[in-house]
N, C-alpha and C. Protein backbone atom coordinates (compact mmCIF):
# COMPACT_ATOMS: atom_id res chain seq x y z
N UNK A 1 5.94 -78.34 80.40
CA UNK A 1 7.03 -77.58 80.96
C UNK A 1 8.16 -78.49 81.43
N UNK A 2 7.79 -79.63 82.05
CA UNK A 2 8.80 -80.58 82.51
C UNK A 2 9.65 -81.06 81.35
N UNK A 3 9.00 -81.25 80.20
CA UNK A 3 9.73 -81.74 79.02
C UNK A 3 10.76 -80.72 78.56
N UNK A 4 10.39 -79.46 78.57
CA UNK A 4 11.31 -78.41 78.12
C UNK A 4 12.52 -78.36 79.04
N UNK A 5 12.29 -78.42 80.34
CA UNK A 5 13.40 -78.42 81.30
C UNK A 5 14.30 -79.62 81.08
N UNK A 6 13.67 -80.78 80.90
CA UNK A 6 14.44 -82.00 80.66
C UNK A 6 15.22 -81.89 79.37
N UNK A 7 14.63 -81.33 78.35
CA UNK A 7 15.29 -81.18 77.06
C UNK A 7 16.49 -80.25 77.18
N UNK A 8 16.34 -79.16 77.91
CA UNK A 8 17.45 -78.23 78.11
C UNK A 8 18.59 -78.94 78.84
N UNK A 9 18.26 -79.70 79.86
CA UNK A 9 19.27 -80.45 80.60
C UNK A 9 19.97 -81.45 79.69
N UNK A 10 19.19 -82.16 78.90
CA UNK A 10 19.79 -83.15 78.00
C UNK A 10 20.66 -82.50 76.94
N UNK A 11 20.24 -81.36 76.43
CA UNK A 11 21.04 -80.62 75.46
C UNK A 11 22.37 -80.22 76.07
N UNK A 12 22.33 -79.73 77.29
CA UNK A 12 23.55 -79.34 77.98
C UNK A 12 24.45 -80.54 78.19
N UNK A 13 23.86 -81.66 78.60
CA UNK A 13 24.66 -82.88 78.79
C UNK A 13 25.28 -83.34 77.48
N UNK A 14 24.54 -83.24 76.41
CA UNK A 14 25.08 -83.64 75.11
C UNK A 14 26.29 -82.78 74.76
N UNK A 15 26.20 -81.47 75.05
CA UNK A 15 27.33 -80.59 74.79
C UNK A 15 28.53 -80.95 75.65
N UNK A 16 28.27 -81.29 76.91
CA UNK A 16 29.35 -81.67 77.84
C UNK A 16 30.09 -82.89 77.33
N UNK A 17 29.38 -83.83 76.80
CA UNK A 17 29.98 -85.09 76.42
C UNK A 17 30.86 -85.00 75.18
N UNK A 18 30.82 -83.88 74.48
CA UNK A 18 31.69 -83.72 73.34
C UNK A 18 33.07 -83.25 73.77
N UNK A 19 33.24 -82.82 74.97
CA UNK A 19 34.53 -82.35 75.45
C UNK A 19 35.44 -83.54 75.71
N UNK A 20 36.73 -83.34 75.47
CA UNK A 20 37.66 -84.44 75.68
C UNK A 20 38.08 -84.58 77.13
N UNK A 21 37.82 -83.56 77.94
CA UNK A 21 38.12 -83.64 79.36
C UNK A 21 36.81 -83.53 80.14
N UNK A 22 36.73 -84.20 81.29
CA UNK A 22 35.48 -84.15 82.05
C UNK A 22 35.07 -82.71 82.35
N UNK A 23 33.78 -82.45 82.24
CA UNK A 23 33.28 -81.09 82.45
C UNK A 23 32.18 -81.09 83.49
N UNK A 24 31.97 -79.93 84.09
CA UNK A 24 30.93 -79.78 85.10
C UNK A 24 30.21 -78.46 84.83
N UNK A 25 28.89 -78.45 84.99
CA UNK A 25 28.12 -77.23 84.76
C UNK A 25 28.36 -76.29 85.94
N UNK A 26 28.80 -75.05 85.64
CA UNK A 26 29.05 -74.08 86.71
C UNK A 26 28.05 -72.93 86.66
N UNK A 27 27.44 -72.72 85.52
CA UNK A 27 26.39 -71.72 85.38
C UNK A 27 25.59 -72.11 84.14
N UNK A 28 24.47 -71.47 83.90
CA UNK A 28 23.68 -71.86 82.74
C UNK A 28 24.42 -71.72 81.41
N UNK A 29 25.46 -70.90 81.36
CA UNK A 29 26.12 -70.65 80.08
C UNK A 29 27.56 -71.11 80.01
N UNK A 30 28.10 -71.77 81.03
CA UNK A 30 29.49 -72.21 80.96
C UNK A 30 29.66 -73.60 81.53
N UNK A 31 30.74 -74.22 81.10
CA UNK A 31 31.17 -75.50 81.65
C UNK A 31 32.53 -75.29 82.26
N UNK A 32 32.83 -76.01 83.30
CA UNK A 32 34.15 -75.90 83.91
C UNK A 32 34.81 -77.26 83.80
N UNK A 33 35.98 -77.31 83.15
CA UNK A 33 36.68 -78.59 83.09
C UNK A 33 37.64 -78.68 84.27
N UNK A 34 38.30 -79.83 84.40
CA UNK A 34 39.14 -80.05 85.59
C UNK A 34 40.31 -79.08 85.67
N UNK A 35 40.69 -78.46 84.56
CA UNK A 35 41.78 -77.50 84.63
C UNK A 35 41.28 -76.10 84.98
N UNK A 36 40.02 -76.00 85.39
CA UNK A 36 39.33 -74.76 85.78
C UNK A 36 39.23 -73.77 84.63
N UNK A 37 39.44 -74.22 83.43
CA UNK A 37 39.30 -73.38 82.25
C UNK A 37 37.82 -73.28 81.89
N UNK A 38 37.34 -72.09 81.56
CA UNK A 38 35.94 -71.91 81.20
C UNK A 38 35.75 -72.20 79.70
N UNK A 39 34.74 -72.99 79.40
CA UNK A 39 34.42 -73.32 78.02
C UNK A 39 33.00 -72.84 77.73
N UNK A 40 32.82 -71.88 76.82
CA UNK A 40 31.47 -71.38 76.57
C UNK A 40 30.62 -72.42 75.85
N UNK A 41 29.34 -72.43 76.18
CA UNK A 41 28.38 -73.29 75.49
C UNK A 41 27.75 -72.46 74.38
N UNK A 42 27.66 -73.03 73.21
CA UNK A 42 27.00 -72.34 72.11
C UNK A 42 25.49 -72.46 72.31
N UNK A 43 24.81 -71.37 72.68
CA UNK A 43 23.38 -71.46 72.97
C UNK A 43 22.53 -71.79 71.73
N UNK A 44 23.11 -71.59 70.54
CA UNK A 44 22.37 -71.88 69.31
C UNK A 44 22.58 -73.31 68.83
N UNK A 45 23.48 -74.04 69.47
CA UNK A 45 23.75 -75.43 69.06
C UNK A 45 22.62 -76.32 69.57
N UNK A 46 21.79 -76.77 68.66
CA UNK A 46 20.65 -77.60 69.04
C UNK A 46 20.89 -79.03 68.59
N UNK A 47 20.59 -79.97 69.47
CA UNK A 47 20.76 -81.37 69.08
C UNK A 47 19.64 -81.80 68.13
N UNK A 48 19.87 -82.88 67.45
CA UNK A 48 18.83 -83.53 66.67
C UNK A 48 17.93 -84.25 67.67
N UNK A 49 16.66 -83.98 67.62
CA UNK A 49 15.72 -84.63 68.54
C UNK A 49 14.82 -85.54 67.72
N UNK A 50 14.79 -86.80 68.09
CA UNK A 50 13.95 -87.78 67.42
C UNK A 50 12.90 -88.29 68.39
N UNK A 51 11.66 -88.19 68.00
CA UNK A 51 10.54 -88.70 68.78
C UNK A 51 9.98 -89.89 68.02
N UNK A 52 10.12 -91.07 68.60
CA UNK A 52 9.67 -92.30 67.94
C UNK A 52 10.25 -92.41 66.53
N UNK A 53 11.55 -92.15 66.43
CA UNK A 53 12.34 -92.26 65.20
C UNK A 53 12.02 -91.20 64.16
N UNK A 54 11.23 -90.20 64.49
CA UNK A 54 10.91 -89.11 63.58
C UNK A 54 11.51 -87.82 64.13
N UNK A 55 12.09 -87.02 63.24
CA UNK A 55 12.71 -85.77 63.67
C UNK A 55 11.66 -84.79 64.20
N UNK A 56 11.97 -84.18 65.34
CA UNK A 56 11.12 -83.16 65.93
C UNK A 56 11.56 -81.83 65.32
N UNK A 57 10.61 -81.15 64.70
CA UNK A 57 10.94 -79.89 64.04
C UNK A 57 10.31 -78.67 64.71
N UNK A 58 9.48 -78.92 65.72
CA UNK A 58 8.86 -77.78 66.40
C UNK A 58 8.66 -78.08 67.89
N UNK A 59 8.60 -77.02 68.64
CA UNK A 59 8.35 -77.12 70.08
C UNK A 59 6.97 -77.74 70.33
N UNK A 60 6.03 -77.47 69.46
CA UNK A 60 4.68 -77.97 69.61
C UNK A 60 4.64 -79.51 69.60
N UNK A 61 5.51 -80.11 68.79
CA UNK A 61 5.57 -81.58 68.74
C UNK A 61 5.94 -82.15 70.11
N UNK A 62 6.89 -81.52 70.77
CA UNK A 62 7.30 -81.99 72.10
C UNK A 62 6.22 -81.70 73.13
N UNK A 63 5.61 -80.53 73.03
CA UNK A 63 4.56 -80.16 73.98
C UNK A 63 3.37 -81.11 73.91
N UNK A 64 3.16 -81.70 72.75
CA UNK A 64 2.01 -82.60 72.55
C UNK A 64 2.22 -83.97 73.21
N UNK A 65 3.44 -84.27 73.62
CA UNK A 65 3.73 -85.57 74.22
C UNK A 65 3.42 -85.53 75.71
N UNK A 66 2.62 -86.48 76.14
CA UNK A 66 2.30 -86.62 77.56
C UNK A 66 3.53 -87.23 78.25
N UNK A 67 4.10 -86.55 79.25
CA UNK A 67 5.29 -87.08 79.94
C UNK A 67 5.07 -88.49 80.49
N UNK A 68 3.84 -88.83 80.85
CA UNK A 68 3.55 -90.16 81.37
C UNK A 68 3.61 -91.24 80.29
N UNK A 69 3.62 -90.83 79.03
CA UNK A 69 3.66 -91.78 77.92
C UNK A 69 5.08 -91.99 77.39
N UNK A 70 6.07 -91.35 78.00
CA UNK A 70 7.46 -91.51 77.56
C UNK A 70 8.02 -92.79 78.17
N UNK A 71 8.48 -93.67 77.29
CA UNK A 71 9.10 -94.92 77.71
C UNK A 71 10.57 -94.70 78.05
N UNK A 72 11.27 -93.96 77.17
CA UNK A 72 12.70 -93.75 77.41
C UNK A 72 13.18 -92.49 76.71
N UNK A 73 14.26 -91.94 77.27
CA UNK A 73 14.97 -90.81 76.66
C UNK A 73 16.44 -91.19 76.69
N UNK A 74 17.07 -91.08 75.54
CA UNK A 74 18.48 -91.46 75.44
C UNK A 74 19.25 -90.32 74.77
N UNK A 75 20.43 -90.05 75.28
CA UNK A 75 21.32 -89.05 74.67
C UNK A 75 22.50 -89.80 74.08
N UNK A 76 22.75 -89.56 72.80
CA UNK A 76 23.94 -90.16 72.19
C UNK A 76 25.11 -89.26 72.53
N UNK A 77 26.03 -89.79 73.31
CA UNK A 77 27.12 -89.01 73.86
C UNK A 77 28.27 -88.81 72.87
N UNK A 78 28.50 -89.76 72.03
CA UNK A 78 29.60 -89.70 71.09
C UNK A 78 29.12 -89.01 69.82
N UNK A 79 29.50 -87.73 69.65
CA UNK A 79 28.95 -86.99 68.52
C UNK A 79 29.43 -87.55 67.19
N UNK A 80 30.62 -88.14 67.13
CA UNK A 80 31.09 -88.75 65.87
C UNK A 80 30.21 -89.94 65.49
N UNK A 81 29.85 -90.75 66.48
CA UNK A 81 28.95 -91.88 66.22
C UNK A 81 27.57 -91.36 65.82
N UNK A 82 27.14 -90.27 66.46
CA UNK A 82 25.84 -89.70 66.13
C UNK A 82 25.80 -89.24 64.68
N UNK A 83 26.88 -88.63 64.23
CA UNK A 83 26.94 -88.19 62.83
C UNK A 83 26.92 -89.39 61.89
N UNK A 84 27.63 -90.46 62.24
CA UNK A 84 27.61 -91.66 61.40
C UNK A 84 26.21 -92.25 61.32
N UNK A 85 25.48 -92.23 62.43
CA UNK A 85 24.14 -92.82 62.45
C UNK A 85 23.09 -91.92 61.80
N UNK A 86 23.18 -90.61 62.06
CA UNK A 86 22.09 -89.71 61.68
C UNK A 86 22.50 -88.58 60.74
N UNK A 87 23.76 -88.54 60.32
CA UNK A 87 24.19 -87.50 59.39
C UNK A 87 24.57 -86.21 60.08
N UNK A 88 24.84 -85.20 59.28
CA UNK A 88 25.33 -83.91 59.79
C UNK A 88 24.36 -83.23 60.75
N UNK A 89 23.08 -83.54 60.65
CA UNK A 89 22.11 -82.92 61.57
C UNK A 89 22.42 -83.28 63.02
N UNK A 90 23.20 -84.33 63.22
CA UNK A 90 23.51 -84.82 64.56
C UNK A 90 24.81 -84.24 65.11
N UNK A 91 25.39 -83.27 64.44
CA UNK A 91 26.70 -82.75 64.87
C UNK A 91 26.67 -82.11 66.25
N UNK A 92 25.49 -81.72 66.73
CA UNK A 92 25.36 -81.13 68.07
C UNK A 92 24.74 -82.10 69.06
N UNK A 93 24.78 -83.39 68.73
CA UNK A 93 24.24 -84.40 69.62
C UNK A 93 22.87 -84.88 69.17
N UNK A 94 22.41 -85.95 69.79
CA UNK A 94 21.12 -86.54 69.45
C UNK A 94 20.39 -86.89 70.74
N UNK A 95 19.12 -86.54 70.78
CA UNK A 95 18.24 -86.93 71.88
C UNK A 95 17.17 -87.83 71.28
N UNK A 96 17.10 -89.08 71.76
CA UNK A 96 16.11 -90.04 71.28
C UNK A 96 15.02 -90.17 72.33
N UNK A 97 13.80 -89.87 71.95
CA UNK A 97 12.66 -90.00 72.85
C UNK A 97 11.74 -91.06 72.27
N UNK A 98 11.41 -92.05 73.08
CA UNK A 98 10.51 -93.11 72.62
C UNK A 98 9.31 -93.18 73.54
N UNK A 99 8.14 -93.23 72.94
CA UNK A 99 6.91 -93.33 73.72
C UNK A 99 6.57 -94.79 73.99
N UNK A 100 5.75 -95.01 74.97
CA UNK A 100 5.32 -96.37 75.31
C UNK A 100 4.58 -97.01 74.15
N UNK A 101 3.74 -96.25 73.47
CA UNK A 101 2.98 -96.78 72.33
C UNK A 101 3.93 -97.23 71.22
N UNK A 102 4.94 -96.42 70.95
CA UNK A 102 5.92 -96.75 69.91
C UNK A 102 6.65 -98.05 70.27
N UNK A 103 7.07 -98.16 71.51
CA UNK A 103 7.79 -99.36 71.95
C UNK A 103 6.91 -100.60 71.83
N UNK A 104 5.63 -100.47 72.16
CA UNK A 104 4.70 -101.61 72.03
C UNK A 104 4.57 -102.02 70.57
N UNK A 105 4.43 -101.04 69.68
CA UNK A 105 4.31 -101.34 68.25
C UNK A 105 5.57 -102.02 67.74
N UNK A 106 6.71 -101.52 68.19
CA UNK A 106 7.99 -102.09 67.76
C UNK A 106 8.11 -103.55 68.22
N UNK A 107 7.74 -103.82 69.46
CA UNK A 107 7.78 -105.19 69.98
C UNK A 107 6.83 -106.10 69.21
N UNK A 108 5.67 -105.59 68.85
CA UNK A 108 4.71 -106.37 68.09
C UNK A 108 5.26 -106.67 66.69
N UNK A 109 5.92 -105.71 66.08
CA UNK A 109 6.52 -105.93 64.76
C UNK A 109 7.61 -107.00 64.81
N UNK A 110 8.42 -106.97 65.86
CA UNK A 110 9.47 -107.97 66.02
C UNK A 110 8.84 -109.35 66.18
N UNK A 111 7.80 -109.44 66.98
CA UNK A 111 7.11 -110.72 67.20
C UNK A 111 6.50 -111.23 65.88
N UNK A 112 5.88 -110.35 65.13
CA UNK A 112 5.28 -110.75 63.86
C UNK A 112 6.34 -111.21 62.86
N UNK A 113 7.49 -110.59 62.90
CA UNK A 113 8.60 -111.00 62.04
C UNK A 113 9.01 -112.44 62.36
N UNK A 114 9.12 -112.75 63.66
CA UNK A 114 9.45 -114.11 64.06
C UNK A 114 8.36 -115.08 63.63
N UNK A 115 7.11 -114.71 63.83
CA UNK A 115 6.00 -115.59 63.45
C UNK A 115 6.02 -115.89 61.96
N UNK A 116 6.38 -114.91 61.15
CA UNK A 116 6.47 -115.14 59.70
C UNK A 116 7.57 -116.13 59.37
N UNK A 117 8.72 -115.99 60.03
CA UNK A 117 9.82 -116.96 59.82
C UNK A 117 9.38 -118.36 60.25
N UNK A 118 8.69 -118.46 61.37
CA UNK A 118 8.25 -119.78 61.85
C UNK A 118 7.23 -120.39 60.90
N UNK A 119 6.36 -119.57 60.36
CA UNK A 119 5.38 -120.06 59.39
C UNK A 119 6.09 -120.60 58.15
N UNK A 120 7.08 -119.86 57.68
CA UNK A 120 7.85 -120.30 56.50
C UNK A 120 8.67 -121.55 56.81
N UNK A 121 9.14 -121.65 58.05
CA UNK A 121 9.92 -122.81 58.48
C UNK A 121 9.10 -124.10 58.36
N UNK A 122 7.85 -124.05 58.72
CA UNK A 122 6.99 -125.23 58.67
C UNK A 122 6.98 -125.82 57.25
N UNK A 123 7.02 -124.95 56.25
CA UNK A 123 6.99 -125.41 54.86
C UNK A 123 8.37 -125.75 54.30
N UNK A 124 9.43 -125.21 54.90
CA UNK A 124 10.80 -125.36 54.37
C UNK A 124 11.81 -125.57 55.49
N UNK A 125 11.64 -126.59 56.29
CA UNK A 125 12.49 -126.82 57.46
C UNK A 125 13.98 -126.82 57.14
N UNK A 126 14.35 -127.42 56.02
CA UNK A 126 15.78 -127.56 55.70
C UNK A 126 16.45 -126.24 55.37
N UNK A 127 15.66 -125.19 55.12
CA UNK A 127 16.22 -123.88 54.77
C UNK A 127 16.55 -123.02 55.99
N UNK A 128 16.17 -123.45 57.18
CA UNK A 128 16.25 -122.58 58.36
C UNK A 128 17.20 -123.09 59.44
N UNK A 129 17.89 -122.11 60.04
CA UNK A 129 18.68 -122.33 61.26
C UNK A 129 18.26 -121.21 62.21
N UNK A 130 17.81 -121.59 63.39
CA UNK A 130 17.41 -120.60 64.40
C UNK A 130 18.44 -120.58 65.52
N UNK A 131 18.74 -119.38 65.99
CA UNK A 131 19.67 -119.19 67.11
C UNK A 131 18.94 -118.36 68.16
N UNK A 132 18.72 -118.96 69.31
CA UNK A 132 18.00 -118.30 70.39
C UNK A 132 18.97 -117.93 71.50
N UNK A 133 19.12 -116.65 71.74
CA UNK A 133 20.04 -116.14 72.77
C UNK A 133 21.43 -116.75 72.65
N UNK A 134 21.91 -116.83 71.41
CA UNK A 134 23.26 -117.32 71.16
C UNK A 134 23.40 -118.82 71.06
N UNK A 135 22.33 -119.56 71.23
CA UNK A 135 22.38 -121.03 71.19
C UNK A 135 21.63 -121.53 69.96
N UNK A 136 22.33 -122.36 69.16
CA UNK A 136 21.70 -122.93 67.98
C UNK A 136 20.58 -123.87 68.41
N UNK A 137 19.41 -123.67 67.82
CA UNK A 137 18.24 -124.49 68.15
C UNK A 137 18.20 -125.68 67.19
N UNK A 138 18.17 -126.86 67.75
CA UNK A 138 18.08 -128.05 66.90
C UNK A 138 16.65 -128.20 66.39
N UNK A 139 16.50 -128.99 65.35
CA UNK A 139 15.17 -129.21 64.78
C UNK A 139 14.19 -129.76 65.81
N UNK A 140 14.71 -130.52 66.76
CA UNK A 140 13.85 -131.09 67.81
C UNK A 140 13.33 -130.05 68.79
N UNK A 141 14.00 -128.88 68.85
CA UNK A 141 13.63 -127.87 69.85
C UNK A 141 12.99 -126.62 69.26
N UNK A 142 12.70 -126.63 67.98
CA UNK A 142 12.12 -125.45 67.35
C UNK A 142 10.77 -125.08 67.98
N UNK A 143 10.06 -126.06 68.52
CA UNK A 143 8.76 -125.78 69.13
C UNK A 143 8.87 -124.77 70.26
N UNK A 144 10.05 -124.66 70.89
CA UNK A 144 10.25 -123.66 71.95
C UNK A 144 10.04 -122.24 71.42
N UNK A 145 10.37 -122.05 70.15
CA UNK A 145 10.23 -120.72 69.57
C UNK A 145 8.76 -120.30 69.44
N UNK A 146 7.89 -121.28 69.23
CA UNK A 146 6.47 -120.99 69.13
C UNK A 146 5.89 -120.56 70.48
N UNK A 147 6.60 -120.87 71.55
CA UNK A 147 6.12 -120.55 72.90
C UNK A 147 6.54 -119.15 73.37
N UNK A 148 7.39 -118.49 72.61
CA UNK A 148 7.86 -117.17 73.02
C UNK A 148 6.71 -116.15 73.01
N UNK A 149 6.72 -115.29 73.99
CA UNK A 149 5.72 -114.23 74.10
C UNK A 149 6.27 -112.95 73.46
N UNK A 150 5.41 -112.12 72.91
CA UNK A 150 5.88 -110.89 72.24
C UNK A 150 6.77 -110.00 73.10
N UNK A 151 6.45 -109.86 74.38
CA UNK A 151 7.23 -108.96 75.23
C UNK A 151 8.59 -109.53 75.63
N UNK A 152 8.79 -110.82 75.42
CA UNK A 152 10.07 -111.46 75.74
C UNK A 152 11.13 -111.18 74.68
N UNK A 153 10.71 -111.00 73.45
CA UNK A 153 11.62 -110.92 72.32
C UNK A 153 12.15 -109.49 72.18
N UNK A 154 13.48 -109.38 72.08
CA UNK A 154 14.08 -108.06 71.91
C UNK A 154 14.62 -107.85 70.50
N UNK A 155 15.05 -108.92 69.84
CA UNK A 155 15.63 -108.81 68.50
C UNK A 155 15.31 -110.05 67.68
N UNK A 156 14.98 -109.83 66.40
CA UNK A 156 14.89 -110.90 65.42
C UNK A 156 15.61 -110.39 64.19
N UNK A 157 16.74 -111.01 63.84
CA UNK A 157 17.54 -110.59 62.70
C UNK A 157 17.90 -111.79 61.85
N UNK A 158 18.12 -111.54 60.57
CA UNK A 158 18.50 -112.59 59.64
C UNK A 158 19.96 -112.38 59.23
N UNK A 159 20.75 -113.44 59.30
CA UNK A 159 22.15 -113.39 58.87
C UNK A 159 22.27 -113.89 57.44
N UNK A 160 23.32 -113.47 56.77
CA UNK A 160 23.61 -114.03 55.44
C UNK A 160 24.10 -115.46 55.60
N UNK A 161 24.01 -116.24 54.55
CA UNK A 161 24.45 -117.63 54.60
C UNK A 161 25.93 -117.73 54.97
N UNK A 162 26.76 -116.88 54.36
CA UNK A 162 28.20 -116.93 54.61
C UNK A 162 28.52 -116.59 56.07
N UNK A 163 27.91 -115.54 56.57
CA UNK A 163 28.17 -115.12 57.95
C UNK A 163 27.75 -116.21 58.92
N UNK A 164 26.60 -116.80 58.70
CA UNK A 164 26.10 -117.85 59.59
C UNK A 164 27.02 -119.06 59.56
N UNK A 165 27.51 -119.44 58.39
CA UNK A 165 28.39 -120.59 58.28
C UNK A 165 29.69 -120.37 59.05
N UNK A 166 30.21 -119.15 58.99
CA UNK A 166 31.46 -118.84 59.70
C UNK A 166 31.21 -118.77 61.21
N UNK A 167 30.18 -118.06 61.61
CA UNK A 167 29.92 -117.85 63.04
C UNK A 167 29.55 -119.15 63.75
N UNK A 168 28.67 -119.93 63.13
CA UNK A 168 28.13 -121.11 63.81
C UNK A 168 28.75 -122.41 63.35
N UNK A 169 29.71 -122.34 62.43
CA UNK A 169 30.44 -123.53 61.96
C UNK A 169 29.47 -124.66 61.59
N UNK A 170 28.48 -124.29 60.81
CA UNK A 170 27.49 -125.26 60.35
C UNK A 170 27.37 -125.14 58.84
N UNK A 171 26.84 -126.18 58.21
CA UNK A 171 26.58 -126.04 56.77
C UNK A 171 25.63 -124.86 56.54
N UNK A 172 25.85 -124.09 55.49
CA UNK A 172 25.01 -122.92 55.27
C UNK A 172 23.54 -123.28 55.08
N UNK A 173 22.70 -122.45 55.66
CA UNK A 173 21.26 -122.57 55.47
C UNK A 173 20.81 -121.29 54.76
N UNK A 174 19.73 -121.39 54.04
CA UNK A 174 19.24 -120.23 53.31
C UNK A 174 18.88 -119.09 54.27
N UNK A 175 18.31 -119.44 55.42
CA UNK A 175 17.90 -118.44 56.41
C UNK A 175 18.45 -118.81 57.78
N UNK A 176 19.24 -117.91 58.35
CA UNK A 176 19.68 -118.06 59.74
C UNK A 176 19.06 -116.90 60.51
N UNK A 177 18.23 -117.25 61.47
CA UNK A 177 17.46 -116.25 62.20
C UNK A 177 17.97 -116.17 63.64
N UNK A 178 18.46 -114.98 64.00
CA UNK A 178 18.92 -114.73 65.36
C UNK A 178 17.77 -114.15 66.17
N UNK A 179 17.54 -114.73 67.34
CA UNK A 179 16.47 -114.27 68.23
C UNK A 179 17.09 -114.00 69.59
N UNK A 180 16.91 -112.80 70.09
CA UNK A 180 17.36 -112.47 71.44
C UNK A 180 16.12 -112.19 72.29
N UNK A 181 16.18 -112.66 73.52
CA UNK A 181 15.06 -112.45 74.43
C UNK A 181 15.54 -111.87 75.75
N UNK A 182 14.60 -111.58 76.60
CA UNK A 182 14.90 -111.09 77.95
C UNK A 182 15.03 -112.25 78.92
N UNK A 183 14.89 -113.47 78.43
CA UNK A 183 14.96 -114.65 79.31
C UNK A 183 16.34 -114.85 79.88
N UNK A 184 16.39 -115.37 81.10
CA UNK A 184 17.65 -115.80 81.70
C UNK A 184 17.78 -117.28 81.42
N UNK A 185 18.78 -117.64 80.61
CA UNK A 185 18.93 -119.06 80.26
C UNK A 185 19.67 -119.83 81.32
C-alpha cells in the first residue's frame, strides 16, 4: 500500500514538473500555478515505470516489491529528456525504482569489468591508459587499481583512442579506461 501511495505522489510530481511555471498541488485533481490559474491533471496520464531497468506493466509487479528492498526511487523531471532516453512511452514522465539487490549486482558487474581490463593490462601494458577519478595513472601506480574494492567503484568506461588523445593530451592508447570512485582524493 505504501508503494501505491508513493507511486501516486511521484506521478503527480512528474506531471507538475512538466509545467513551465512553478506549480503546487491544491487538490487531488488540480495544480495551482503562481498566477492562481487552475491546470487540470490528466488522470489517465501514466508515467513509464522502470523497476531495475525493466518496464513495470502491472500493479502486481510493484506489489511484489518489498519496500525495505528499495535502494532508490528517481523521477525524471524533464519530460523531453525522458523521451530522448526512453522513447515515446516516457512522454508522461519516468519513475525509476532500483532495488538493493539490483544495485549490488550492478556494482559487482562494474568491478568485474575493471578486473577484466586489469587482467588484460598485465599482458598488454603498452595498450592501456587508466584514469582514476580524473587523474591519469602512471605505469608505476597501476597497482593502486588492484586495491580498489567493489563498493568504491561507481563507473568504469572505455574511451575511444581519438577522444582519449584529445582529452588527456597523450599519445593514443588502444584502451583508455575511466574509473570513478567514491573516494575523496
